[in-house]
Amino acid sequence: MPCLLTILALIFPRLTILLVWLSSDYFSRAYQTVLWPVLGFFFMPLTMLAYALAKNKAGAVDGWYLVLVVAAVLIDLGILGGSGAAKHSGKR
């Protein structure tokens, strides 16, 4: 089941967030307020999932979990930045 959830998170991160939110209290254990999960859902969903995993498994973002969160940030920024660059390069 964890492998299926990981594949689902990489392909459909927002759907994964909804499924995890509906089925458990995973995000409420990782975040103190509702603001950060809502912002994460709209702007950086993989980072939100990686941070929640780090906080729930290790209690802090350090070691390999820090590498995971940084990789999620880079993927999220690449997805956001890549779509705008692809749109502008085709209009030459």
PDB file of N, CA and C in Angstrom:
ATOM      1  N   MET A   1       0.804  -1.206   0.000  1.00  0.00           N
ATOM      2  CA  MET A   1       0.000   0.000   0.000  1.00  0.00           C
ATOM      3  C   MET A   1       0.845   1.268   0.000  1.00  0.00           C
ATOM      4  N   PRO A   2       1.958   1.345   0.769  1.00  0.00           N
ATOM      5  CA  PRO A   2       2.763   2.565   0.731  1.00  0.00           C
ATOM      6  C   PRO A   2       3.365   2.848  -0.644  1.00  0.00           C
ATOM      7  N   CYS A   3       3.724   1.812  -1.388  1.00  0.00           N
ATOM      8  CA  CYS A   3       4.275   2.035  -2.732  1.00  0.00           C
ATOM      9  C   CYS A   3       3.209   2.604  -3.664  1.00  0.00           C
ATOM     10  N   LEU A   4       2.005   2.104  -3.559  1.00  0.00           N
ATOM     11  CA  LEU A   4       0.910   2.607  -4.377  1.00  0.00           C
ATOM     12  C   LEU A   4       0.621   4.070  -4.039  1.00  0.00           C
ATOM     13  N   LEU A   5       0.643   4.407  -2.770  1.00  0.00           N
ATOM     14  CA  LEU A   5       0.408   5.785  -2.342  1.00  0.00           C
ATOM     15  C   LEU A   5       1.530   6.709  -2.820  1.00  0.00           C
ATOM     16  N   THR A   6       2.756   6.217  -2.841  1.00  0.00           N
ATOM     17  CA  THR A   6       3.890   7.013  -3.332  1.00  0.00           C
ATOM     18  C   THR A   6       3.754   7.283  -4.824  1.00  0.00           C
ATOM     19  N   ILE A   7       3.397   6.282  -5.591  1.00  0.00           N
ATOM     20  CA  ILE A   7       3.204   6.471  -7.026  1.00  0.00           C
ATOM     21  C   ILE A   7       2.042   7.419  -7.282  1.00  0.00           C
ATOM     22  N   LEU A   8       0.972   7.254  -6.540  1.00  0.00           N
ATOM     23  CA  LEU A   8      -0.171   8.146  -6.659  1.00  0.00           C
ATOM     24  C   LEU A   8       0.208   9.578  -6.304  1.00  0.00           C
ATOM     25  N   ALA A   9       1.051   9.748  -5.281  1.00  0.00           N
ATOM     26  CA  ALA A   9       1.479  11.088  -4.861  1.00  0.00           C
ATOM     27  C   ALA A   9       2.323  11.762  -5.929  1.00  0.00           C
ATOM     28  N   LEU A  10       3.149  11.025  -6.630  1.00  0.00           N
ATOM     29  CA  LEU A  10       3.982  11.629  -7.670  1.00  0.00           C
ATOM     30  C   LEU A  10       3.168  11.996  -8.908  1.00  0.00           C
ATOM     31  N   ILE A  11       2.143  11.222  -9.209  1.00  0.00           N
ATOM     32  CA  ILE A  11       1.338  11.495 -10.394  1.00  0.00           C
ATOM     33  C   ILE A  11       0.215  12.486 -10.095  1.00  0.00           C
ATOM     34  N   PHE A  12      -0.485  12.275  -8.997  1.00  0.00           N
ATOM     35  CA  PHE A  12      -1.615  13.125  -8.607  1.00  0.00           C
ATOM     36  C   PHE A  12      -1.460  13.572  -7.149  1.00  0.00           C
ATOM     37  N   PRO A  13      -0.590  14.540  -6.869  1.00  0.00           N
ATOM     38  CA  PRO A  13      -0.359  14.906  -5.466  1.00  0.00           C
ATOM     39  C   PRO A  13      -1.586  15.486  -4.769  1.00  0.00           C
ATOM     40  N   ARG A  14      -2.383  16.259  -5.460  1.00  0.00           N
ATOM     41  CA  ARG A  14      -3.558  16.852  -4.811  1.00  0.00           C
ATOM     42  C   ARG A  14      -4.617  15.799  -4.485  1.00  0.00           C
ATOM     43  N   LEU A  15      -4.775  14.826  -5.343  1.00  0.00           N
ATOM     44  CA  LEU A  15      -5.691  13.724  -5.063  1.00  0.00           C
ATOM     45  C   LEU A  15      -5.205  12.928  -3.856  1.00  0.00           C
ATOM     46  N   THR A  16      -3.904  12.713  -3.774  1.00  0.00           N
ATOM     47  CA  THR A  16      -3.329  12.008  -2.630  1.00  0.00           C
ATOM     48  C   THR A  16      -3.572  12.775  -1.340  1.00  0.00           C
ATOM     49  N   ILE A  17      -3.411  14.091  -1.380  1.00  0.00           N
ATOM     50  CA  ILE A  17      -3.668  14.917  -0.198  1.00  0.00           C
ATOM     51  C   ILE A  17      -5.111  14.762   0.247  1.00  0.00           C
ATOM     52  N   LEU A  18      -6.038  14.802  -0.687  1.00  0.00           N
ATOM     53  CA  LEU A  18      -7.455  14.640  -0.337  1.00  0.00           C
ATOM     54  C   LEU A  18      -7.741  13.267   0.274  1.00  0.00           C
ATOM     55  N   LEU A  19      -7.171  12.221  -0.314  1.00  0.00           N
ATOM     56  CA  LEU A  19      -7.406  10.873   0.204  1.00  0.00           C
ATOM     57  C   LEU A  19      -6.817  10.704   1.601  1.00  0.00           C
ATOM     58  N   VAL A  20      -5.622  11.221   1.819  1.00  0.00           N
ATOM     59  CA  VAL A  20      -4.997  11.115   3.146  1.00  0.00           C
ATOM     60  C   VAL A  20      -5.766  11.957   4.161  1.00  0.00           C
ATOM     61  N   TRP A  21      -6.190  13.131   3.764  1.00  0.00           N
ATOM     62  CA  TRP A  21      -6.926  14.012   4.669  1.00  0.00           C
ATOM     63  C   TRP A  21      -8.268  13.387   5.073  1.00  0.00           C
ATOM     64  N   LEU A  22      -8.940  12.747   4.113  1.00  0.00           N
ATOM     65  CA  LEU A  22     -10.231  12.129   4.408  1.00  0.00           C
ATOM     66  C   LEU A  22     -10.105  10.856   5.246  1.00  0.00           C
ATOM     67  N   SER A  23      -8.983  10.157   5.134  1.00  0.00           N
ATOM     68  CA  SER A  23      -8.870   8.856   5.782  1.00  0.00           C
ATOM     69  C   SER A  23      -8.077   8.856   7.089  1.00  0.00           C
ATOM     70  N   SER A  24      -7.392   9.955   7.429  1.00  0.00           N
ATOM     71  CA  SER A  24      -6.596   9.939   8.656  1.00  0.00           C
ATOM     72  C   SER A  24      -6.393  11.353   9.201  1.00  0.00           C
ATOM     73  N   ASP A  25      -5.697  11.426  10.316  1.00  0.00           N
ATOM     74  CA  ASP A  25      -5.337  12.724  10.905  1.00  0.00           C
ATOM     75  C   ASP A  25      -3.850  13.022  10.682  1.00  0.00           C
ATOM     76  N   TYR A  26      -3.318  12.547   9.593  1.00  0.00           N
ATOM     77  CA  TYR A  26      -1.890  12.660   9.271  1.00  0.00           C
ATOM     78  C   TYR A  26      -1.431  14.109   9.199  1.00  0.00           C
ATOM     79  N   PHE A  27      -2.210  14.974   8.595  1.00  0.00           N
ATOM     80  CA  PHE A  27      -1.808  16.369   8.443  1.00  0.00           C
ATOM     81  C   PHE A  27      -1.996  17.162   9.727  1.00  0.00           C
ATOM     82  N   SER A  28      -2.978  16.825  10.515  1.00  0.00           N
ATOM     83  CA  SER A  28      -3.171  17.553  11.768  1.00  0.00           C
ATOM     84  C   SER A  28      -2.054  17.252  12.764  1.00  0.00           C
ATOM     85  N   ARG A  29      -1.411  16.082  12.651  1.00  0.00           N
ATOM     86  CA  ARG A  29      -0.254  15.782  13.495  1.00  0.00           C
ATOM     87  C   ARG A  29       0.986  16.521  13.024  1.00  0.00           C
ATOM     88  N   ALA A  30       1.063  16.855  11.743  1.00  0.00           N
ATOM     89  CA  ALA A  30       2.257  17.505  11.198  1.00  0.00           C
ATOM     90  C   ALA A  30       2.172  19.026  11.240  1.00  0.00           C
ATOM     91  N   TYR A  31       0.985  19.573  11.075  1.00  0.00           N
ATOM     92  CA  TYR A  31       0.801  21.021  11.007  1.00  0.00           C
ATOM     93  C   TYR A  31      -0.033  21.495  12.190  1.00  0.00           C
ATOM     94  N   GLN A  32       0.328  22.650  12.733  1.00  0.00           N
ATOM     95  CA  GLN A  32      -0.387  23.191  13.894  1.00  0.00           C
ATOM     96  C   GLN A  32      -1.633  23.982  13.486  1.00  0.00           C
ATOM     97  N   THR A  33      -1.603  24.575  12.280  1.00  0.00           N
ATOM     98  CA  THR A  33      -2.728  25.367  11.806  1.00  0.00           C
ATOM     99  C   THR A  33      -3.244  24.803  10.493  1.00  0.00           C
ATOM    100  N   VAL A  34      -4.324  25.347  10.012  1.00  0.00           N
ATOM    101  CA  VAL A  34      -4.907  24.918   8.741  1.00  0.00           C
ATOM    102  C   VAL A  34      -4.303  25.703   7.582  1.00  0.00           C
ATOM    103  N   LEU A  35      -3.692  26.836   7.857  1.00  0.00           N
ATOM    104  CA  LEU A  35      -3.175  27.714   6.809  1.00  0.00           C
ATOM    105  C   LEU A  35      -2.125  27.030   5.936  1.00  0.00           C
ATOM    106  N   TRP A  36      -1.128  26.392   6.553  1.00  0.00           N
ATOM    107  CA  TRP A  36      -0.043  25.787   5.768  1.00  0.00           C
ATOM    108  C   TRP A  36      -0.510  24.637   4.886  1.00  0.00           C
ATOM    109  N   PRO A  37      -1.356  23.744   5.363  1.00  0.00           N
ATOM    110  CA  PRO A  37      -1.857  22.705   4.444  1.00  0.00           C
ATOM    111  C   PRO A  37      -2.682  23.255   3.288  1.00  0.00           C
ATOM    112  N   VAL A  38      -3.461  24.296   3.533  1.00  0.00           N
ATOM    113  CA  VAL A  38      -4.260  24.881   2.448  1.00  0.00           C
ATOM    114  C   VAL A  38      -3.339  25.516   1.412  1.00  0.00           C
ATOM    115  N   LEU A  39      -2.348  26.288   1.861  1.00  0.00           N
ATOM    116  CA  LEU A  39      -1.389  26.886   0.924  1.00  0.00           C
ATOM    117  C   LEU A  39      -0.581  25.815   0.198  1.00  0.00           C
ATOM    118  N   GLY A  40      -0.188  24.775   0.929  1.00  0.00           N
ATOM    119  CA  GLY A  40       0.546  23.675   0.314  1.00  0.00           C
ATOM    120  C   GLY A  40      -0.267  22.940  -0.728  1.00  0.00           C
ATOM    121  N   PHE A  41      -1.542  22.776  -0.476  1.00  0.00           N
ATOM    122  CA  PHE A  41      -2.411  22.098  -1.441  1.00  0.00           C
ATOM    123  C   PHE A  41      -2.433  22.838  -2.767  1.00  0.00           C
ATOM    124  N   PHE A  42      -2.510  24.162  -2.733  1.00  0.00           N
ATOM    125  CA  PHE A  42      -2.622  24.933  -3.967  1.00  0.00           C
ATOM    126  C   PHE A  42      -1.286  25.229  -4.633  1.00  0.00           C
ATOM    127  N   PHE A  43      -0.227  25.458  -3.865  1.00  0.00           N
ATOM    128  CA  PHE A  43       1.020  25.926  -4.452  1.00  0.00           C
ATOM    129  C   PHE A  43       2.140  24.888  -4.503  1.00  0.00           C
ATOM    130  N   MET A  44       2.313  24.070  -3.476  1.00  0.00           N
ATOM    131  CA  MET A  44       3.422  23.112  -3.432  1.00  0.00           C
ATOM    132  C   MET A  44       2.957  21.800  -2.796  1.00  0.00           C
ATOM    133  N   PRO A  45       2.188  21.014  -3.529  1.00  0.00           N
ATOM    134  CA  PRO A  45       1.596  19.806  -2.930  1.00  0.00           C
ATOM    135  C   PRO A  45       2.617  18.725  -2.560  1.00  0.00           C
ATOM    136  N   LEU A  46       3.648  18.514  -3.377  1.00  0.00           N
ATOM    137  CA  LEU A  46       4.628  17.486  -3.031  1.00  0.00           C
ATOM    138  C   LEU A  46       5.432  17.882  -1.797  1.00  0.00           C
ATOM    139  N   THR A  47       5.726  19.168  -1.668  1.00  0.00           N
ATOM    140  CA  THR A  47       6.438  19.644  -0.490  1.00  0.00           C
ATOM    141  C   THR A  47       5.588  19.447   0.760  1.00  0.00           C
ATOM    142  N   MET A  48       4.306  19.699   0.639  1.00  0.00           N
ATOM    143  CA  MET A  48       3.402  19.493   1.771  1.00  0.00           C
ATOM    144  C   MET A  48       3.392  18.032   2.206  1.00  0.00           C
ATOM    145  N   LEU A  49       3.328  17.127   1.244  1.00  0.00           N
ATOM    146  CA  LEU A  49       3.336  15.702   1.563  1.00  0.00           C
ATOM    147  C   LEU A  49       4.671  15.266   2.169  1.00  0.00           C
ATOM    148  N   ALA A  50       5.786  15.759   1.627  1.00  0.00           N
ATOM    149  CA  ALA A  50       7.105  15.384   2.136  1.00  0.00           C
ATOM    150  C   ALA A  50       7.312  15.910   3.556  1.00  0.00           C
ATOM    151  N   TYR A  51       6.875  17.133   3.824  1.00  0.00           N
ATOM    152  CA  TYR A  51       7.010  17.700   5.161  1.00  0.00           C
ATOM    153  C   TYR A  51       6.157  16.922   6.169  1.00  0.00           C
ATOM    154  N   ALA A  52       4.945  16.580   5.786  1.00  0.00           N
ATOM    155  CA  ALA A  52       4.077  15.806   6.679  1.00  0.00           C
ATOM    156  C   ALA A  52       4.681  14.438   6.967  1.00  0.00           C
ATOM    157  N   LEU A  53       5.272  13.816   5.966  1.00  0.00           N
ATOM    158  CA  LEU A  53       5.936  12.531   6.166  1.00  0.00           C
ATOM    159  C   LEU A  53       7.102  12.673   7.139  1.00  0.00           C
ATOM    160  N   ALA A  54       7.917  13.699   6.962  1.00  0.00           N
ATOM    161  CA  ALA A  54       9.066  13.916   7.840  1.00  0.00           C
ATOM    162  C   ALA A  54       8.632  14.171   9.278  1.00  0.00           C
ATOM    163  N   LYS A  55       7.618  14.990   9.461  1.00  0.00           N
ATOM    164  CA  LYS A  55       7.157  15.298  10.818  1.00  0.00           C
ATOM    165  C   LYS A  55       6.507  14.089  11.490  1.00  0.00           C
ATOM    166  N   ASN A  56       5.802  13.275  10.733  1.00  0.00           N
ATOM    167  CA  ASN A  56       5.137  12.112  11.324  1.00  0.00           C
ATOM    168  C   ASN A  56       6.092  10.952  11.583  1.00  0.00           C
ATOM    169  N   LYS A  57       7.077  10.756  10.730  1.00  0.00           N
ATOM    170  CA  LYS A  57       7.993   9.628  10.884  1.00  0.00           C
ATOM    171  C   LYS A  57       9.155   9.938  11.824  1.00  0.00           C
ATOM    172  N   ALA A  58       9.786  11.114  11.663  1.00  0.00           N
ATOM    173  CA  ALA A  58      10.981  11.424  12.441  1.00  0.00           C
ATOM    174  C   ALA A  58      10.749  12.483  13.511  1.00  0.00           C
ATOM    175  N   GLY A  59       9.672  13.224  13.417  1.00  0.00           N
ATOM    176  CA  GLY A  59       9.414  14.287  14.373  1.00  0.00           C
ATOM    177  C   GLY A  59      10.087  15.594  14.017  1.00  0.00           C
ATOM    178  N   ALA A  60      10.965  15.562  13.030  1.00  0.00           N
ATOM    179  CA  ALA A  60      11.675  16.765  12.594  1.00  0.00           C
ATOM    180  C   ALA A  60      12.128  16.567  11.152  1.00  0.00           C
ATOM    181  N   VAL A  61      12.506  17.663  10.541  1.00  0.00           N
ATOM    182  CA  VAL A  61      12.990  17.608   9.159  1.00  0.00           C
ATOM    183  C   VAL A  61      14.517  17.639   9.209  1.00  0.00           C
ATOM    184  N   ASP A  62      15.122  16.464   9.299  1.00  0.00           N
ATOM    185  CA  ASP A  62      16.577  16.369   9.303  1.00  0.00           C
ATOM    186  C   ASP A  62      17.003  15.043   8.684  1.00  0.00           C
ATOM    187  N   GLY A  63      18.253  14.953   8.336  1.00  0.00           N
ATOM    188  CA  GLY A  63      18.781  13.739   7.723  1.00  0.00           C
ATOM    189  C   GLY A  63      18.186  13.495   6.348  1.00  0.00           C
ATOM    190  N   TRP A  64      17.780  12.241   6.115  1.00  0.00           N
ATOM    191  CA  TRP A  64      17.213  11.878   4.818  1.00  0.00           C
ATOM    192  C   TRP A  64      15.880  12.556   4.560  1.00  0.00           C
ATOM    193  N   TYR A  65      15.176  12.886   5.621  1.00  0.00           N
ATOM    194  CA  TYR A  65      13.899  13.584   5.445  1.00  0.00           C
ATOM    195  C   TYR A  65      14.113  15.009   4.935  1.00  0.00           C
ATOM    196  N   LEU A  66      15.225  15.615   5.326  1.00  0.00           N
ATOM    197  CA  LEU A  66      15.568  16.934   4.779  1.00  0.00           C
ATOM    198  C   LEU A  66      15.845  16.833   3.285  1.00  0.00           C
ATOM    199  N   VAL A  67      16.547  15.792   2.883  1.00  0.00           N
ATOM    200  CA  VAL A  67      16.809  15.565   1.459  1.00  0.00           C
ATOM    201  C   VAL A  67      15.494  15.365   0.711  1.00  0.00           C
ATOM    202  N   LEU A  68      14.576  14.624   1.310  1.00  0.00           N
ATOM    203  CA  LEU A  68      13.273  14.394   0.693  1.00  0.00           C
ATOM    204  C   LEU A  68      12.489  15.692   0.527  1.00  0.00           C
ATOM    205  N   VAL A  69      12.484  16.531   1.556  1.00  0.00           N
ATOM    206  CA  VAL A  69      11.750  17.795   1.484  1.00  0.00           C
ATOM    207  C   VAL A  69      12.382  18.726   0.457  1.00  0.00           C
ATOM    208  N   VAL A  70      13.703  18.800   0.416  1.00  0.00           N
ATOM    209  CA  VAL A  70      14.381  19.649  -0.581  1.00  0.00           C
ATOM    210  C   VAL A  70      14.091  19.143  -1.992  1.00  0.00           C
ATOM    211  N   ALA A  71      14.102  17.835  -2.194  1.00  0.00           N
ATOM    212  CA  ALA A  71      13.783  17.284  -3.514  1.00  0.00           C
ATOM    213  C   ALA A  71      12.342  17.615  -3.902  1.00  0.00           C
ATOM    214  N   ALA A  72      11.428  17.556  -2.945  1.00  0.00           N
ATOM    215  CA  ALA A  72      10.030  17.892  -3.224  1.00  0.00           C
ATOM    216  C   ALA A  72       9.886  19.367  -3.589  1.00  0.00           C
ATOM    217  N   VAL A  73      10.628  20.237  -2.898  1.00  0.00           N
ATOM    218  CA  VAL A  73      10.599  21.665  -3.235  1.00  0.00           C
ATOM    219  C   VAL A  73      11.098  21.875  -4.658  1.00  0.00           C
ATOM    220  N   LEU A  74      12.193  21.228  -5.013  1.00  0.00           N
ATOM    221  CA  LEU A  74      12.745  21.390  -6.361  1.00  0.00           C
ATOM    222  C   LEU A  74      11.791  20.858  -7.425  1.00  0.00           C
ATOM    223  N   ILE A  75      11.137  19.741  -7.153  1.00  0.00           N
ATOM    224  CA  ILE A  75      10.167  19.205  -8.115  1.00  0.00           C
ATOM    225  C   ILE A  75       8.985  20.154  -8.258  1.00  0.00           C
ATOM    226  N   ASP A  76       8.479  20.660  -7.133  1.00  0.00           N
ATOM    227  CA  ASP A  76       7.351  21.599  -7.187  1.00  0.00           C
ATOM    228  C   ASP A  76       7.729  22.868  -7.935  1.00  0.00           C
ATOM    229  N   LEU A  77       8.886  23.400  -7.693  1.00  0.00           N
ATOM    230  CA  LEU A  77       9.307  24.614  -8.401  1.00  0.00           C
ATOM    231  C   LEU A  77       9.559  24.341  -9.878  1.00  0.00           C
ATOM    232  N   GLY A  78      10.048  23.165 -10.192  1.00  0.00           N
ATOM    233  CA  GLY A  78      10.254  22.798 -11.594  1.00  0.00           C
ATOM    234  C   GLY A  78       8.953  22.644 -12.334  1.00  0.00           C
ATOM    235  N   ILE A  79       7.948  22.094 -11.681  1.00  0.00           N
ATOM    236  CA  ILE A  79       6.635  21.940 -12.301  1.00  0.00           C
ATOM    237  C   ILE A  79       6.016  23.308 -12.529  1.00  0.00           C
ATOM    238  N   LEU A  80       6.098  24.178 -11.528  1.00  0.00           N
ATOM    239  CA  LEU A  80       5.514  25.512 -11.656  1.00  0.00           C
ATOM    240  C   LEU A  80       6.266  26.349 -12.672  1.00  0.00           C
ATOM    241  N   GLY A  81       7.579  26.341 -12.641  1.00  0.00           N
ATOM    242  CA  GLY A  81       8.380  27.146 -13.562  1.00  0.00           C
ATOM    243  C   GLY A  81       8.431  26.562 -14.961  1.00  0.00           C
ATOM    244  N   GLY A  82       8.409  25.253 -15.071  1.00  0.00           N
ATOM    245  CA  GLY A  82       8.514  24.609 -16.366  1.00  0.00           C
ATOM    246  C   GLY A  82       7.313  24.848 -17.259  1.00  0.00           C
ATOM    247  N   SER A  83       6.138  24.939 -16.687  1.00  0.00           N
ATOM    248  CA  SER A  83       4.950  25.127 -17.515  1.00  0.00           C
ATOM    249  C   SER A  83       4.930  26.513 -18.152  1.00  0.00           C
ATOM    250  N   GLY A  84       5.386  27.515 -17.428  1.00  0.00           N
ATOM    251  CA  GLY A  84       5.445  28.866 -17.991  1.00  0.00           C
ATOM    252  C   GLY A  84       6.522  28.991 -19.054  1.00  0.00           C
ATOM    253  N   ALA A  85       7.648  28.341 -18.850  1.00  0.00           N
ATOM    254  CA  ALA A  85       8.734  28.392 -19.833  1.00  0.00           C
ATOM    255  C   ALA A  85       8.331  27.673 -21.124  1.00  0.00           C
ATOM    256  N   ALA A  86       7.646  26.559 -21.002  1.00  0.00           N
ATOM    257  CA  ALA A  86       7.216  25.822 -22.189  1.00  0.00           C
ATOM    258  C   ALA A  86       6.176  26.620 -22.977  1.00  0.00           C
ATOM    259  N   LYS A  87       5.344  27.349 -22.277  1.00  0.00           N
ATOM    260  CA  LYS A  87       4.305  28.147 -22.933  1.00  0.00           C
ATOM    261  C   LYS A  87       4.935  29.282 -23.735  1.00  0.00           C
ATOM    262  N   HIS A  88       5.945  29.941 -23.172  1.00  0.00           N
ATOM    263  CA  HIS A  88       6.557  31.081 -23.846  1.00  0.00           C
ATOM    264  C   HIS A  88       7.503  30.664 -24.971  1.00  0.00           C
ATOM    265  N   SER A  89       8.136  29.505 -24.872  1.00  0.00           N
ATOM    266  CA  SER A  89       9.076  29.101 -25.903  1.00  0.00           C
ATOM    267  C   SER A  89       8.365  28.701 -27.196  1.00  0.00           C
ATOM    268  N   GLY A  90       7.134  28.280 -27.136  1.00  0.00           N
ATOM    269  CA  GLY A  90       6.394  27.883 -28.321  1.00  0.00           C
ATOM    270  C   GLY A  90       5.814  29.039 -29.108  1.00  0.00           C
ATOM    271  N   LYS A  91       5.832  30.250 -28.576  1.00  0.00           N
ATOM    272  CA  LYS A  91       5.207  31.399 -29.248  1.00  0.00           C
ATOM    273  C   LYS A  91       6.187  32.211 -30.083  1.00  0.00           C
ATOM    274  N   ARG A  92       7.380  31.759 -30.296  1.00  0.00           N
ATOM    275  CA  ARG A  92       8.363  32.541 -31.056  1.00  0.00           C
ATOM    276  C   ARG A  92       7.987  32.666 -32.449  1.00  0.00           C
TER     277      ARG A  92
END
